[in-house]
């Protein structure tokens, strides 16, 4: 799961902090 979190965090940086909230919701949806 750690590797997935790293990939997600990298994506968040690329998209910007503004999308951090949406990504967080996605993590909850995935059950992370």
N, C-alpha and C. Protein backbone atom coordinates (compact mmCIF):
# COMPACT_ATOMS: atom_id res chain seq x y z
N UNK A 1 0.84 -1.20 0.00
CA UNK A 1 0.00 0.00 0.00
C UNK A 1 0.88 1.26 0.00
N UNK A 2 2.06 1.17 0.60
CA UNK A 2 2.95 2.33 0.68
C UNK A 2 3.29 2.84 -0.71
N UNK A 3 3.58 1.93 -1.63
CA UNK A 3 3.94 2.33 -3.00
C UNK A 3 2.79 3.10 -3.64
N UNK A 4 1.56 2.63 -3.42
CA UNK A 4 0.39 3.30 -4.00
C UNK A 4 0.27 4.71 -3.43
N UNK A 5 0.50 4.83 -2.14
CA UNK A 5 0.39 6.15 -1.50
C UNK A 5 1.42 7.10 -2.09
N UNK A 6 2.64 6.60 -2.33
CA UNK A 6 3.68 7.43 -2.91
C UNK A 6 3.27 7.91 -4.29
N UNK A 7 2.69 7.01 -5.08
CA UNK A 7 2.25 7.39 -6.43
C UNK A 7 1.16 8.45 -6.35
N UNK A 8 0.24 8.28 -5.40
CA UNK A 8 -0.84 9.25 -5.24
C UNK A 8 -0.29 10.60 -4.82
N UNK A 9 0.64 10.58 -3.86
CA UNK A 9 1.23 11.83 -3.39
C UNK A 9 1.93 12.54 -4.54
N UNK A 10 2.61 11.78 -5.39
CA UNK A 10 3.29 12.37 -6.55
C UNK A 10 2.28 13.01 -7.48
N UNK A 11 1.16 12.33 -7.68
CA UNK A 11 0.12 12.85 -8.57
C UNK A 11 -0.45 14.14 -7.98
N UNK A 12 -0.61 14.17 -6.67
CA UNK A 12 -1.16 15.36 -6.01
C UNK A 12 -0.26 16.55 -6.25
N UNK A 13 1.06 16.34 -6.15
CA UNK A 13 2.00 17.45 -6.37
C UNK A 13 1.90 17.95 -7.80
N UNK A 14 1.74 17.03 -8.75
CA UNK A 14 1.65 17.41 -10.16
C UNK A 14 0.38 18.21 -10.42
N UNK A 15 -0.71 17.79 -9.80
CA UNK A 15 -2.00 18.47 -10.01
C UNK A 15 -2.10 19.74 -9.17
N UNK A 16 -1.41 19.75 -8.05
CA UNK A 16 -1.45 20.94 -7.19
C UNK A 16 -2.20 20.65 -5.90
N UNK A 17 -1.98 21.47 -4.90
CA UNK A 17 -2.62 21.27 -3.60
C UNK A 17 -4.13 21.41 -3.68
N UNK A 18 -4.60 22.18 -4.65
CA UNK A 18 -6.04 22.41 -4.78
C UNK A 18 -6.79 21.10 -4.97
N UNK A 19 -6.13 20.14 -5.63
CA UNK A 19 -6.77 18.86 -5.89
C UNK A 19 -6.57 17.88 -4.73
N UNK A 20 -5.84 18.30 -3.72
CA UNK A 20 -5.57 17.42 -2.59
C UNK A 20 -6.85 16.89 -1.95
N UNK A 21 -7.87 17.75 -1.85
CA UNK A 21 -9.13 17.33 -1.23
C UNK A 21 -9.78 16.22 -2.04
N UNK A 22 -9.81 16.38 -3.36
CA UNK A 22 -10.42 15.37 -4.22
C UNK A 22 -9.65 14.06 -4.12
N UNK A 23 -8.34 14.14 -4.11
CA UNK A 23 -7.51 12.93 -4.02
C UNK A 23 -7.77 12.23 -2.70
N UNK A 24 -7.94 13.01 -1.63
CA UNK A 24 -8.20 12.41 -0.32
C UNK A 24 -9.50 11.62 -0.36
N UNK A 25 -10.51 12.17 -1.02
CA UNK A 25 -11.78 11.46 -1.15
C UNK A 25 -11.59 10.18 -1.94
N UNK A 26 -10.74 10.22 -2.97
CA UNK A 26 -10.47 9.03 -3.76
C UNK A 26 -9.81 7.97 -2.90
N UNK A 27 -8.89 8.38 -2.02
CA UNK A 27 -8.21 7.42 -1.15
C UNK A 27 -9.23 6.73 -0.26
N UNK A 28 -10.17 7.49 0.27
CA UNK A 28 -11.20 6.90 1.13
C UNK A 28 -12.05 5.93 0.33
N UNK A 29 -12.30 6.27 -0.94
CA UNK A 29 -13.11 5.41 -1.80
C UNK A 29 -12.38 4.09 -2.05
N UNK A 30 -11.04 4.19 -2.21
CA UNK A 30 -10.24 2.98 -2.44
C UNK A 30 -10.08 2.19 -1.15
N UNK A 31 -10.34 2.84 -0.02
CA UNK A 31 -10.19 2.15 1.26
C UNK A 31 -8.76 2.23 1.78
N UNK A 32 -8.00 3.23 1.31
CA UNK A 32 -6.61 3.38 1.74
C UNK A 32 -6.56 4.05 3.10
